[in-house]
């Protein structure tokens, strides 16, 4: 995600609902910054969702191992 934060900006055209755009402008909301932040969050969430989906089998197997055998080194925990 750090790579996205350091990229240069590029002009683009988007279509927004006119009522929302008018209201946002009236409230002094920076449209470009708001869209960039929201899209950045969508990208982060989608990457996380795909990672979880791609690793679901491993996660399920690991969780089953922990359920069956306990955590590694669990007998040495002092808390």
PDB file of N, CA and C in Angstrom:
ATOM      1  N   UNK A   1       0.815  -1.191   0.000  1.00  0.00           N
ATOM      2  CA  UNK A   1       0.000   0.000   0.000  1.00  0.00           C
ATOM      3  C   UNK A   1       0.856   1.251   0.000  1.00  0.00           C
ATOM      4  N   UNK A   2       2.042   1.160   0.550  1.00  0.00           N
ATOM      5  CA  UNK A   2       2.927   2.318   0.599  1.00  0.00           C
ATOM      6  C   UNK A   2       3.232   2.824  -0.800  1.00  0.00           C
ATOM      7  N   UNK A   3       3.351   1.923  -1.768  1.00  0.00           N
ATOM      8  CA  UNK A   3       3.666   2.332  -3.130  1.00  0.00           C
ATOM      9  C   UNK A   3       2.588   3.253  -3.693  1.00  0.00           C
ATOM     10  N   UNK A   4       1.332   2.997  -3.362  1.00  0.00           N
ATOM     11  CA  UNK A   4       0.258   3.850  -3.840  1.00  0.00           C
ATOM     12  C   UNK A   4       0.338   5.247  -3.243  1.00  0.00           C
ATOM     13  N   UNK A   5       0.765   5.355  -2.020  1.00  0.00           N
ATOM     14  CA  UNK A   5       0.807   6.637  -1.347  1.00  0.00           C
ATOM     15  C   UNK A   5       1.852   7.565  -1.947  1.00  0.00           C
ATOM     16  N   UNK A   6       2.879   7.032  -2.594  1.00  0.00           N
ATOM     17  CA  UNK A   6       3.970   7.834  -3.121  1.00  0.00           C
ATOM     18  C   UNK A   6       3.880   8.061  -4.622  1.00  0.00           C
ATOM     19  N   UNK A   7       2.789   7.685  -5.253  1.00  0.00           N
ATOM     20  CA  UNK A   7       2.676   7.846  -6.690  1.00  0.00           C
ATOM     21  C   UNK A   7       2.284   9.275  -7.042  1.00  0.00           C
ATOM     22  N   UNK A   8       2.575   9.647  -8.266  1.00  0.00           N
ATOM     23  CA  UNK A   8       2.168  10.961  -8.739  1.00  0.00           C
ATOM     24  C   UNK A   8       0.688  10.923  -9.079  1.00  0.00           C
ATOM     25  N   UNK A   9       0.101  12.095  -9.144  1.00  0.00           N
ATOM     26  CA  UNK A   9      -1.329  12.171  -9.452  1.00  0.00           C
ATOM     27  C   UNK A   9      -1.514  12.334 -10.951  1.00  0.00           C
ATOM     28  N   UNK A  10      -2.662  11.877 -11.428  1.00  0.00           N
ATOM     29  CA  UNK A  10      -2.975  11.954 -12.841  1.00  0.00           C
ATOM     30  C   UNK A  10      -4.413  12.434 -12.988  1.00  0.00           C
ATOM     31  N   UNK A  11      -4.614  13.362 -13.877  1.00  0.00           N
ATOM     32  CA  UNK A  11      -5.961  13.878 -14.131  1.00  0.00           C
ATOM     33  C   UNK A  11      -6.810  12.786 -14.776  1.00  0.00           C
ATOM     34  N   UNK A  12      -8.083  12.765 -14.401  1.00  0.00           N
ATOM     35  CA  UNK A  12      -9.012  11.798 -14.965  1.00  0.00           C
ATOM     36  C   UNK A  12     -10.403  12.419 -14.986  1.00  0.00           C
ATOM     37  N   UNK A  13     -11.288  11.835 -15.722  1.00  0.00           N
ATOM     38  CA  UNK A  13     -12.675  12.295 -15.754  1.00  0.00           C
ATOM     39  C   UNK A  13     -13.536  11.258 -15.060  1.00  0.00           C
ATOM     40  N   UNK A  14     -14.408  11.721 -14.185  1.00  0.00           N
ATOM     41  CA  UNK A  14     -15.368  10.833 -13.532  1.00  0.00           C
ATOM     42  C   UNK A  14     -16.745  11.474 -13.628  1.00  0.00           C
ATOM     43  N   UNK A  15     -17.760  10.673 -13.499  1.00  0.00           N
ATOM     44  CA  UNK A  15     -19.129  11.160 -13.517  1.00  0.00           C
ATOM     45  C   UNK A  15     -19.704  11.003 -12.118  1.00  0.00           C
ATOM     46  N   UNK A  16     -20.201  12.108 -11.586  1.00  0.00           N
ATOM     47  CA  UNK A  16     -20.779  12.115 -10.250  1.00  0.00           C
ATOM     48  C   UNK A  16     -22.216  12.623 -10.320  1.00  0.00           C
ATOM     49  N   UNK A  17     -23.018  12.239  -9.361  1.00  0.00           N
ATOM     50  CA  UNK A  17     -24.383  12.761  -9.275  1.00  0.00           C
ATOM     51  C   UNK A  17     -24.318  14.260  -9.038  1.00  0.00           C
ATOM     52  N   UNK A  18     -25.066  15.002  -9.821  1.00  0.00           N
ATOM     53  CA  UNK A  18     -24.971  16.458  -9.754  1.00  0.00           C
ATOM     54  C   UNK A  18     -25.404  17.013  -8.404  1.00  0.00           C
ATOM     55  N   UNK A  19     -26.397  16.388  -7.774  1.00  0.00           N
ATOM     56  CA  UNK A  19     -26.843  16.890  -6.469  1.00  0.00           C
ATOM     57  C   UNK A  19     -25.761  16.721  -5.400  1.00  0.00           C
ATOM     58  N   UNK A  20     -25.078  15.607  -5.422  1.00  0.00           N
ATOM     59  CA  UNK A  20     -24.010  15.350  -4.453  1.00  0.00           C
ATOM     60  C   UNK A  20     -22.826  16.271  -4.727  1.00  0.00           C
ATOM     61  N   UNK A  21     -22.495  16.444  -5.989  1.00  0.00           N
ATOM     62  CA  UNK A  21     -21.397  17.320  -6.361  1.00  0.00           C
ATOM     63  C   UNK A  21     -21.673  18.762  -5.930  1.00  0.00           C
ATOM     64  N   UNK A  22     -22.884  19.232  -6.170  1.00  0.00           N
ATOM     65  CA  UNK A  22     -23.259  20.591  -5.763  1.00  0.00           C
ATOM     66  C   UNK A  22     -23.166  20.751  -4.257  1.00  0.00           C
ATOM     67  N   UNK A  23     -23.671  19.788  -3.531  1.00  0.00           N
ATOM     68  CA  UNK A  23     -23.645  19.833  -2.062  1.00  0.00           C
ATOM     69  C   UNK A  23     -22.213  19.796  -1.539  1.00  0.00           C
ATOM     70  N   UNK A  24     -21.399  18.938  -2.108  1.00  0.00           N
ATOM     71  CA  UNK A  24     -20.003  18.828  -1.677  1.00  0.00           C
ATOM     72  C   UNK A  24     -19.261  20.139  -1.918  1.00  0.00           C
ATOM     73  N   UNK A  25     -19.469  20.724  -3.070  1.00  0.00           N
ATOM     74  CA  UNK A  25     -18.825  22.014  -3.361  1.00  0.00           C
ATOM     75  C   UNK A  25     -19.301  23.092  -2.396  1.00  0.00           C
ATOM     76  N   UNK A  26     -20.609  23.098  -2.111  1.00  0.00           N
ATOM     77  CA  UNK A  26     -21.164  24.092  -1.181  1.00  0.00           C
ATOM     78  C   UNK A  26     -20.572  23.937   0.214  1.00  0.00           C
ATOM     79  N   UNK A  27     -20.217  22.714   0.574  1.00  0.00           N
ATOM     80  CA  UNK A  27     -19.637  22.450   1.891  1.00  0.00           C
ATOM     81  C   UNK A  27     -18.122  22.605   1.903  1.00  0.00           C
ATOM     82  N   UNK A  28     -17.555  22.924   0.765  1.00  0.00           N
ATOM     83  CA  UNK A  28     -16.116  23.127   0.688  1.00  0.00           C
ATOM     84  C   UNK A  28     -15.307  21.842   0.708  1.00  0.00           C
ATOM     85  N   UNK A  29     -15.913  20.746   0.302  1.00  0.00           N
ATOM     86  CA  UNK A  29     -15.218  19.458   0.284  1.00  0.00           C
ATOM     87  C   UNK A  29     -14.329  19.387  -0.948  1.00  0.00           C
ATOM     88  N   UNK A  30     -13.099  18.974  -0.759  1.00  0.00           N
ATOM     89  CA  UNK A  30     -12.168  18.792  -1.864  1.00  0.00           C
ATOM     90  C   UNK A  30     -12.541  17.497  -2.572  1.00  0.00           C
ATOM     91  N   UNK A  31     -13.129  17.626  -3.759  1.00  0.00           N
ATOM     92  CA  UNK A  31     -13.655  16.473  -4.490  1.00  0.00           C
ATOM     93  C   UNK A  31     -12.537  15.495  -4.860  1.00  0.00           C
ATOM     94  N   UNK A  32     -11.444  16.013  -5.430  1.00  0.00           N
ATOM     95  CA  UNK A  32     -10.344  15.140  -5.855  1.00  0.00           C
ATOM     96  C   UNK A  32      -9.761  14.374  -4.679  1.00  0.00           C
ATOM     97  N   UNK A  33      -9.503  15.088  -3.591  1.00  0.00           N
ATOM     98  CA  UNK A  33      -8.912  14.442  -2.414  1.00  0.00           C
ATOM     99  C   UNK A  33      -9.865  13.399  -1.831  1.00  0.00           C
ATOM    100  N   UNK A  34     -11.134  13.732  -1.769  1.00  0.00           N
ATOM    101  CA  UNK A  34     -12.116  12.797  -1.215  1.00  0.00           C
ATOM    102  C   UNK A  34     -12.239  11.542  -2.072  1.00  0.00           C
ATOM    103  N   UNK A  35     -12.292  11.716  -3.388  1.00  0.00           N
ATOM    104  CA  UNK A  35     -12.368  10.566  -4.290  1.00  0.00           C
ATOM    105  C   UNK A  35     -11.107   9.716  -4.181  1.00  0.00           C
ATOM    106  N   UNK A  36      -9.950  10.373  -4.117  1.00  0.00           N
ATOM    107  CA  UNK A  36      -8.684   9.655  -4.001  1.00  0.00           C
ATOM    108  C   UNK A  36      -8.637   8.839  -2.714  1.00  0.00           C
ATOM    109  N   UNK A  37      -9.026   9.433  -1.610  1.00  0.00           N
ATOM    110  CA  UNK A  37      -9.014   8.727  -0.328  1.00  0.00           C
ATOM    111  C   UNK A  37      -9.989   7.554  -0.335  1.00  0.00           C
ATOM    112  N   UNK A  38     -11.178   7.771  -0.874  1.00  0.00           N
ATOM    113  CA  UNK A  38     -12.174   6.707  -0.898  1.00  0.00           C
ATOM    114  C   UNK A  38     -11.721   5.559  -1.806  1.00  0.00           C
ATOM    115  N   UNK A  39     -11.196   5.892  -2.985  1.00  0.00           N
ATOM    116  CA  UNK A  39     -10.725   4.860  -3.901  1.00  0.00           C
ATOM    117  C   UNK A  39      -9.541   4.105  -3.314  1.00  0.00           C
ATOM    118  N   UNK A  40      -8.663   4.802  -2.617  1.00  0.00           N
ATOM    119  CA  UNK A  40      -7.520   4.172  -1.952  1.00  0.00           C
ATOM    120  C   UNK A  40      -8.017   3.144  -0.924  1.00  0.00           C
ATOM    121  N   UNK A  41      -9.047   3.500  -0.177  1.00  0.00           N
ATOM    122  CA  UNK A  41      -9.615   2.583   0.823  1.00  0.00           C
ATOM    123  C   UNK A  41     -10.277   1.384   0.138  1.00  0.00           C
ATOM    124  N   UNK A  42     -10.987   1.616  -0.961  1.00  0.00           N
ATOM    125  CA  UNK A  42     -11.589   0.510  -1.713  1.00  0.00           C
ATOM    126  C   UNK A  42     -10.524  -0.458  -2.221  1.00  0.00           C
ATOM    127  N   UNK A  43      -9.422   0.081  -2.739  1.00  0.00           N
ATOM    128  CA  UNK A  43      -8.325  -0.750  -3.228  1.00  0.00           C
ATOM    129  C   UNK A  43      -7.740  -1.560  -2.084  1.00  0.00           C
ATOM    130  N   UNK A  44      -7.505  -0.935  -0.939  1.00  0.00           N
ATOM    131  CA  UNK A  44      -6.952  -1.639   0.220  1.00  0.00           C
ATOM    132  C   UNK A  44      -7.887  -2.771   0.650  1.00  0.00           C
ATOM    133  N   UNK A  45      -9.181  -2.479   0.731  1.00  0.00           N
ATOM    134  CA  UNK A  45     -10.153  -3.496   1.141  1.00  0.00           C
ATOM    135  C   UNK A  45     -10.226  -4.647   0.144  1.00  0.00           C
ATOM    136  N   UNK A  46     -10.165  -4.336  -1.145  1.00  0.00           N
ATOM    137  CA  UNK A  46     -10.233  -5.384  -2.161  1.00  0.00           C
ATOM    138  C   UNK A  46      -8.978  -6.245  -2.135  1.00  0.00           C
ATOM    139  N   UNK A  47      -7.815  -5.637  -1.938  1.00  0.00           N
ATOM    140  CA  UNK A  47      -6.580  -6.420  -1.809  1.00  0.00           C
ATOM    141  C   UNK A  47      -6.667  -7.349  -0.601  1.00  0.00           C
ATOM    142  N   UNK A  48      -7.169  -6.835   0.502  1.00  0.00           N
ATOM    143  CA  UNK A  48      -7.302  -7.664   1.711  1.00  0.00           C
ATOM    144  C   UNK A  48      -8.277  -8.807   1.473  1.00  0.00           C
ATOM    145  N   UNK A  49      -9.412  -8.503   0.838  1.00  0.00           N
ATOM    146  CA  UNK A  49     -10.414  -9.540   0.563  1.00  0.00           C
ATOM    147  C   UNK A  49      -9.827 -10.632  -0.326  1.00  0.00           C
ATOM    148  N   UNK A  50      -9.108 -10.217  -1.360  1.00  0.00           N
ATOM    149  CA  UNK A  50      -8.507 -11.208  -2.269  1.00  0.00           C
ATOM    150  C   UNK A  50      -7.421 -12.019  -1.583  1.00  0.00           C
ATOM    151  N   UNK A  51      -6.629 -11.389  -0.716  1.00  0.00           N
ATOM    152  CA  UNK A  51      -5.596 -12.124   0.012  1.00  0.00           C
ATOM    153  C   UNK A  51      -6.255 -13.185   0.892  1.00  0.00           C
ATOM    154  N   UNK A  52      -7.316 -12.777   1.591  1.00  0.00           N
ATOM    155  CA  UNK A  52      -8.012 -13.738   2.450  1.00  0.00           C
ATOM    156  C   UNK A  52      -8.609 -14.868   1.629  1.00  0.00           C
ATOM    157  N   UNK A  53      -9.165 -14.556   0.487  1.00  0.00           N
ATOM    158  CA  UNK A  53      -9.743 -15.572  -0.392  1.00  0.00           C
ATOM    159  C   UNK A  53      -8.650 -16.504  -0.928  1.00  0.00           C
ATOM    160  N   UNK A  54      -7.538 -15.921  -1.375  1.00  0.00           N
ATOM    161  CA  UNK A  54      -6.443 -16.724  -1.918  1.00  0.00           C
ATOM    162  C   UNK A  54      -5.811 -17.629  -0.866  1.00  0.00           C
ATOM    163  N   UNK A  55      -5.854 -17.234   0.398  1.00  0.00           N
ATOM    164  CA  UNK A  55      -5.205 -17.981   1.472  1.00  0.00           C
ATOM    165  C   UNK A  55      -6.190 -18.691   2.398  1.00  0.00           C
ATOM    166  N   UNK A  56      -7.445 -18.761   1.997  1.00  0.00           N
ATOM    167  CA  UNK A  56      -8.489 -19.338   2.848  1.00  0.00           C
ATOM    168  C   UNK A  56      -8.196 -20.791   3.235  1.00  0.00           C
ATOM    169  N   UNK A  57      -7.713 -21.585   2.301  1.00  0.00           N
ATOM    170  CA  UNK A  57      -7.432 -22.998   2.606  1.00  0.00           C
ATOM    171  C   UNK A  57      -6.333 -23.123   3.654  1.00  0.00           C
ATOM    172  N   UNK A  58      -5.258 -22.347   3.485  1.00  0.00           N
ATOM    173  CA  UNK A  58      -4.167 -22.392   4.458  1.00  0.00           C
ATOM    174  C   UNK A  58      -4.642 -21.926   5.831  1.00  0.00           C
ATOM    175  N   UNK A  59      -5.402 -20.838   5.869  1.00  0.00           N
ATOM    176  CA  UNK A  59      -5.894 -20.293   7.138  1.00  0.00           C
ATOM    177  C   UNK A  59      -6.781 -21.315   7.844  1.00  0.00           C
ATOM    178  N   UNK A  60      -7.661 -21.956   7.088  1.00  0.00           N
ATOM    179  CA  UNK A  60      -8.547 -22.971   7.673  1.00  0.00           C
ATOM    180  C   UNK A  60      -7.734 -24.146   8.210  1.00  0.00           C
ATOM    181  N   UNK A  61      -6.736 -24.572   7.454  1.00  0.00           N
ATOM    182  CA  UNK A  61      -5.893 -25.695   7.907  1.00  0.00           C
ATOM    183  C   UNK A  61      -5.107 -25.313   9.154  1.00  0.00           C
ATOM    184  N   UNK A  62      -4.554 -24.123   9.172  1.00  0.00           N
ATOM    185  CA  UNK A  62      -3.798 -23.665  10.340  1.00  0.00           C
ATOM    186  C   UNK A  62      -4.711 -23.573  11.569  1.00  0.00           C
ATOM    187  N   UNK A  63      -5.892 -22.990  11.381  1.00  0.00           N
ATOM    188  CA  UNK A  63      -6.832 -22.882  12.502  1.00  0.00           C
ATOM    189  C   UNK A  63      -7.235 -24.262  13.022  1.00  0.00           C
ATOM    190  N   UNK A  64      -7.388 -25.233  12.117  1.00  0.00           N
ATOM    191  CA  UNK A  64      -7.736 -26.587  12.546  1.00  0.00           C
ATOM    192  C   UNK A  64      -6.583 -27.210  13.321  1.00  0.00           C
ATOM    193  N   UNK A  65      -5.357 -26.979  12.874  1.00  0.00           N
ATOM    194  CA  UNK A  65      -4.184 -27.486  13.580  1.00  0.00           C
ATOM    195  C   UNK A  65      -4.106 -26.894  14.979  1.00  0.00           C
ATOM    196  N   UNK A  66      -4.339 -25.603  15.107  1.00  0.00           N
ATOM    197  CA  UNK A  66      -4.313 -24.947  16.423  1.00  0.00           C
ATOM    198  C   UNK A  66      -5.427 -25.502  17.304  1.00  0.00           C
ATOM    199  N   UNK A  67      -6.599 -25.714  16.723  1.00  0.00           N
ATOM    200  CA  UNK A  67      -7.713 -26.270  17.500  1.00  0.00           C
ATOM    201  C   UNK A  67      -7.391 -27.683  17.984  1.00  0.00           C
ATOM    202  N   UNK A  68      -6.732 -28.470  17.142  1.00  0.00           N
ATOM    203  CA  UNK A  68      -6.418 -29.855  17.492  1.00  0.00           C
ATOM    204  C   UNK A  68      -5.217 -29.964  18.429  1.00  0.00           C
ATOM    205  N   UNK A  69      -4.190 -29.152  18.184  1.00  0.00           N
ATOM    206  CA  UNK A  69      -2.917 -29.322  18.883  1.00  0.00           C
ATOM    207  C   UNK A  69      -2.558 -28.173  19.821  1.00  0.00           C
ATOM    208  N   UNK A  70      -3.287 -27.086  19.760  1.00  0.00           N
ATOM    209  CA  UNK A  70      -2.940 -25.913  20.556  1.00  0.00           C
ATOM    210  C   UNK A  70      -1.893 -25.075  19.831  1.00  0.00           C
ATOM    211  N   UNK A  71      -1.545 -23.958  20.431  1.00  0.00           N
ATOM    212  CA  UNK A  71      -0.543 -23.076  19.836  1.00  0.00           C
ATOM    213  C   UNK A  71       0.858 -23.633  20.011  1.00  0.00           C
ATOM    214  N   UNK A  72       1.735 -23.380  19.042  1.00  0.00           N
ATOM    215  CA  UNK A  72       3.135 -23.807  19.212  1.00  0.00           C
ATOM    216  C   UNK A  72       3.727 -23.139  20.460  1.00  0.00           C
ATOM    217  N   UNK A  73       4.500 -23.863  21.198  1.00  0.00           N
ATOM    218  CA  UNK A  73       5.161 -23.368  22.420  1.00  0.00           C
ATOM    219  C   UNK A  73       4.174 -22.933  23.509  1.00  0.00           C
ATOM    220  N   UNK A  74       2.937 -23.354  23.375  1.00  0.00           N
ATOM    221  CA  UNK A  74       1.913 -22.953  24.351  1.00  0.00           C
ATOM    222  C   UNK A  74       2.256 -23.394  25.770  1.00  0.00           C
ATOM    223  N   UNK A  75       2.936 -24.513  25.914  1.00  0.00           N
ATOM    224  CA  UNK A  75       3.260 -25.008  27.260  1.00  0.00           C
ATOM    225  C   UNK A  75       4.285 -24.125  27.959  1.00  0.00           C
ATOM    226  N   UNK A  76       5.002 -23.277  27.229  1.00  0.00           N
ATOM    227  CA  UNK A  76       5.993 -22.393  27.839  1.00  0.00           C
ATOM    228  C   UNK A  76       5.466 -20.978  28.097  1.00  0.00           C
ATOM    229  N   UNK A  77       4.198 -20.734  27.755  1.00  0.00           N
ATOM    230  CA  UNK A  77       3.634 -19.403  27.996  1.00  0.00           C
ATOM    231  C   UNK A  77       3.487 -19.173  29.497  1.00  0.00           C
ATOM    232  N   UNK A  78       3.768 -17.948  29.921  1.00  0.00           N
ATOM    233  CA  UNK A  78       3.657 -17.627  31.335  1.00  0.00           C
ATOM    234  C   UNK A  78       2.443 -16.745  31.638  1.00  0.00           C
ATOM    235  N   UNK A  79       1.579 -16.547  30.674  1.00  0.00           N
ATOM    236  CA  UNK A  79       0.389 -15.711  30.883  1.00  0.00           C
ATOM    237  C   UNK A  79      -0.847 -16.430  30.411  1.00  0.00           C
TER     238      UNK A  79
END
